[in-house]
Amino acid sequence: MNRQRNVGIMIFVLSIGGFFMYAYLLMLSEWSPIVLQLSVLMAVGGILGVISWIGYNMATSRPSPSSLVSDDKK
């Protein structure tokens, strides 16, 4: 249990440090335009990657038996 707590604290501290590094790079450094462009590129790529994964799963999965039953009763 102690190891899990230490890993949790390490993730917490590193994420806060990563935020401050990102804020510095975005606001105070000369690399600001590149950092912003890469951030937007990664965000859009991640969103489109999730959407494409959903589409791939929909295209390659077998239909469930309940979707094969027709409700065309008159």
N, C-alpha and C. Protein backbone atom coordinates (compact mmCIF):
# COMPACT_ATOMS: atom_id res chain seq x y z
N MET A 1 0.83 -1.20 0.00
CA MET A 1 0.00 0.00 0.00
C MET A 1 0.87 1.26 0.00
N ASN A 2 2.02 1.19 0.63
CA ASN A 2 2.92 2.34 0.69
C ASN A 2 3.46 2.69 -0.68
N ARG A 3 3.74 1.67 -1.50
CA ARG A 3 4.25 1.91 -2.85
C ARG A 3 3.18 2.60 -3.70
N GLN A 4 1.95 2.16 -3.57
CA GLN A 4 0.86 2.77 -4.33
C GLN A 4 0.69 4.24 -3.95
N ARG A 5 0.82 4.54 -2.68
CA ARG A 5 0.72 5.93 -2.24
C ARG A 5 1.87 6.77 -2.79
N ASN A 6 3.07 6.22 -2.80
CA ASN A 6 4.22 6.95 -3.34
C ASN A 6 4.07 7.21 -4.83
N VAL A 7 3.56 6.22 -5.56
CA VAL A 7 3.33 6.41 -6.99
C VAL A 7 2.26 7.48 -7.20
N GLY A 8 1.23 7.48 -6.40
CA GLY A 8 0.19 8.49 -6.49
C GLY A 8 0.72 9.89 -6.23
N ILE A 9 1.55 10.03 -5.21
CA ILE A 9 2.15 11.33 -4.90
C ILE A 9 3.07 11.78 -6.04
N MET A 10 3.84 10.83 -6.59
CA MET A 10 4.73 11.16 -7.70
C MET A 10 3.93 11.63 -8.92
N ILE A 11 2.84 10.94 -9.26
CA ILE A 11 2.01 11.36 -10.39
C ILE A 11 1.43 12.74 -10.13
N PHE A 12 0.98 12.99 -8.92
CA PHE A 12 0.41 14.29 -8.55
C PHE A 12 1.42 15.42 -8.72
N VAL A 13 2.64 15.21 -8.17
CA VAL A 13 3.67 16.25 -8.23
C VAL A 13 4.13 16.47 -9.68
N LEU A 14 4.32 15.39 -10.43
CA LEU A 14 4.76 15.53 -11.82
C LEU A 14 3.71 16.21 -12.70
N SER A 15 2.44 15.94 -12.45
CA SER A 15 1.41 16.58 -13.25
C SER A 15 1.34 18.08 -12.95
N ILE A 16 1.51 18.48 -11.70
CA ILE A 16 1.53 19.90 -11.38
C ILE A 16 2.78 20.55 -11.97
N GLY A 17 3.91 19.88 -11.88
CA GLY A 17 5.13 20.40 -12.50
C GLY A 17 5.00 20.50 -14.01
N GLY A 18 4.36 19.51 -14.63
CA GLY A 18 4.12 19.56 -16.07
C GLY A 18 3.23 20.72 -16.46
N PHE A 19 2.23 21.00 -15.64
CA PHE A 19 1.36 22.15 -15.91
C PHE A 19 2.15 23.45 -15.89
N PHE A 20 2.99 23.62 -14.87
CA PHE A 20 3.77 24.86 -14.79
C PHE A 20 4.79 24.97 -15.92
N MET A 21 5.36 23.85 -16.34
CA MET A 21 6.28 23.89 -17.47
C MET A 21 5.53 24.25 -18.76
N TYR A 22 4.36 23.67 -18.94
CA TYR A 22 3.55 23.99 -20.12
C TYR A 22 3.14 25.47 -20.09
N ALA A 23 2.73 25.96 -18.93
CA ALA A 23 2.35 27.37 -18.82
C ALA A 23 3.52 28.29 -19.13
N TYR A 24 4.71 27.93 -18.64
CA TYR A 24 5.89 28.73 -18.95
C TYR A 24 6.18 28.72 -20.44
N LEU A 25 6.17 27.54 -21.05
CA LEU A 25 6.45 27.45 -22.48
C LEU A 25 5.40 28.19 -23.31
N LEU A 26 4.17 28.18 -22.84
CA LEU A 26 3.10 28.83 -23.60
C LEU A 26 3.07 30.34 -23.41
N MET A 27 3.39 30.82 -22.23
CA MET A 27 3.22 32.24 -21.93
C MET A 27 4.53 33.05 -21.96
N LEU A 28 5.63 32.47 -21.54
CA LEU A 28 6.82 33.28 -21.31
C LEU A 28 8.01 32.96 -22.22
N SER A 29 7.93 31.91 -23.00
CA SER A 29 9.10 31.55 -23.80
C SER A 29 8.92 31.97 -25.25
N GLU A 30 10.00 31.91 -25.99
CA GLU A 30 9.96 32.23 -27.41
C GLU A 30 9.36 31.10 -28.23
N TRP A 31 9.13 29.95 -27.60
CA TRP A 31 8.56 28.78 -28.27
C TRP A 31 7.04 28.76 -28.25
N SER A 32 6.42 29.82 -27.81
CA SER A 32 4.98 29.87 -27.61
C SER A 32 4.17 29.47 -28.85
N PRO A 33 4.44 30.00 -30.05
CA PRO A 33 3.63 29.60 -31.21
C PRO A 33 3.74 28.11 -31.53
N ILE A 34 4.94 27.56 -31.40
CA ILE A 34 5.12 26.14 -31.70
C ILE A 34 4.42 25.28 -30.66
N VAL A 35 4.52 25.67 -29.39
CA VAL A 35 3.86 24.92 -28.32
C VAL A 35 2.35 24.94 -28.52
N LEU A 36 1.80 26.08 -28.89
CA LEU A 36 0.36 26.18 -29.13
C LEU A 36 -0.05 25.35 -30.33
N GLN A 37 0.71 25.40 -31.39
CA GLN A 37 0.38 24.60 -32.58
C GLN A 37 0.44 23.11 -32.28
N LEU A 38 1.46 22.68 -31.56
CA LEU A 38 1.57 21.26 -31.22
C LEU A 38 0.45 20.82 -30.28
N SER A 39 0.05 21.69 -29.36
CA SER A 39 -1.05 21.36 -28.44
C SER A 39 -2.35 21.16 -29.20
N VAL A 40 -2.64 22.06 -30.11
CA VAL A 40 -3.86 21.94 -30.90
C VAL A 40 -3.79 20.71 -31.79
N LEU A 41 -2.64 20.47 -32.39
CA LEU A 41 -2.47 19.29 -33.24
C LEU A 41 -2.71 18.00 -32.46
N MET A 42 -2.16 17.91 -31.25
CA MET A 42 -2.34 16.70 -30.44
C MET A 42 -3.80 16.55 -30.00
N ALA A 43 -4.45 17.65 -29.65
CA ALA A 43 -5.85 17.57 -29.23
C ALA A 43 -6.75 17.12 -30.38
N VAL A 44 -6.58 17.73 -31.54
CA VAL A 44 -7.40 17.35 -32.69
C VAL A 44 -7.08 15.91 -33.12
N GLY A 45 -5.80 15.54 -33.11
CA GLY A 45 -5.42 14.18 -33.45
C GLY A 45 -6.01 13.16 -32.48
N GLY A 46 -6.02 13.49 -31.20
CA GLY A 46 -6.60 12.59 -30.21
C GLY A 46 -8.10 12.42 -30.39
N ILE A 47 -8.80 13.51 -30.63
CA ILE A 47 -10.25 13.45 -30.83
C ILE A 47 -10.58 12.66 -32.10
N LEU A 48 -9.88 12.95 -33.19
CA LEU A 48 -10.13 12.23 -34.43
C LEU A 48 -9.70 10.77 -34.33
N GLY A 49 -8.68 10.49 -33.55
CA GLY A 49 -8.28 9.10 -33.32
C GLY A 49 -9.36 8.31 -32.59
N VAL A 50 -9.97 8.91 -31.58
CA VAL A 50 -11.06 8.24 -30.86
C VAL A 50 -12.25 8.02 -31.79
N ILE A 51 -12.59 9.03 -32.59
CA ILE A 51 -13.71 8.90 -33.52
C ILE A 51 -13.43 7.81 -34.55
N SER A 52 -12.20 7.75 -35.07
CA SER A 52 -11.88 6.72 -36.05
C SER A 52 -11.89 5.33 -35.41
N TRP A 53 -11.46 5.22 -34.16
CA TRP A 53 -11.51 3.94 -33.45
C TRP A 53 -12.95 3.47 -33.28
N ILE A 54 -13.85 4.39 -32.94
CA ILE A 54 -15.27 4.04 -32.81
C ILE A 54 -15.81 3.58 -34.17
N GLY A 55 -15.49 4.30 -35.24
CA GLY A 55 -15.94 3.89 -36.57
C GLY A 55 -15.40 2.54 -36.97
N TYR A 56 -14.13 2.28 -36.68
CA TYR A 56 -13.54 0.98 -37.00
C TYR A 56 -14.24 -0.14 -36.25
N ASN A 57 -14.51 0.07 -34.97
CA ASN A 57 -15.21 -0.95 -34.20
C ASN A 57 -16.62 -1.18 -34.70
N MET A 58 -17.29 -0.11 -35.10
CA MET A 58 -18.64 -0.27 -35.65
C MET A 58 -18.60 -1.03 -36.99
N ALA A 59 -17.59 -0.78 -37.79
CA ALA A 59 -17.51 -1.40 -39.11
C ALA A 59 -17.09 -2.87 -39.04
N THR A 60 -16.31 -3.24 -38.04
CA THR A 60 -15.78 -4.60 -37.99
C THR A 60 -16.48 -5.51 -37.00
N SER A 61 -17.42 -5.01 -36.22
CA SER A 61 -18.09 -5.86 -35.24
C SER A 61 -19.26 -6.58 -35.90
N ARG A 62 -19.55 -7.74 -35.38
CA ARG A 62 -20.70 -8.51 -35.87
C ARG A 62 -21.97 -7.93 -35.29
N PRO A 63 -23.05 -7.94 -36.06
CA PRO A 63 -24.32 -7.42 -35.51
C PRO A 63 -24.84 -8.35 -34.42
N SER A 64 -25.44 -7.76 -33.42
CA SER A 64 -26.00 -8.56 -32.33
C SER A 64 -27.28 -9.24 -32.81
N PRO A 65 -27.66 -10.35 -32.20
CA PRO A 65 -28.87 -11.05 -32.63
C PRO A 65 -30.13 -10.19 -32.53
N SER A 66 -30.18 -9.29 -31.58
CA SER A 66 -31.37 -8.46 -31.44
C SER A 66 -31.51 -7.46 -32.59
N SER A 67 -30.39 -7.08 -33.24
CA SER A 67 -30.48 -6.14 -34.35
C SER A 67 -30.84 -6.85 -35.65
N LEU A 68 -30.81 -8.19 -35.67
CA LEU A 68 -31.16 -8.94 -36.86
C LEU A 68 -32.65 -9.18 -36.97
N VAL A 69 -33.39 -9.04 -35.88
CA VAL A 69 -34.83 -9.27 -35.86
C VAL A 69 -35.51 -8.07 -36.47
N SER A 70 -36.41 -8.31 -37.40
CA SER A 70 -37.11 -7.23 -38.07
C SER A 70 -38.43 -6.93 -37.36
N ASP A 71 -38.78 -5.69 -37.20
CA ASP A 71 -40.03 -5.27 -36.59
C ASP A 71 -40.99 -4.75 -37.64
N ASP A 72 -41.14 -5.46 -38.76
CA ASP A 72 -41.99 -5.00 -39.87
C ASP A 72 -43.39 -5.59 -39.81
N LYS A 73 -43.97 -5.70 -38.64
CA LYS A 73 -45.33 -6.23 -38.51
C LYS A 73 -46.33 -5.14 -38.86
N LYS A 74 -47.36 -5.55 -39.61
CA LYS A 74 -48.41 -4.60 -40.00
C LYS A 74 -49.73 -4.99 -39.40
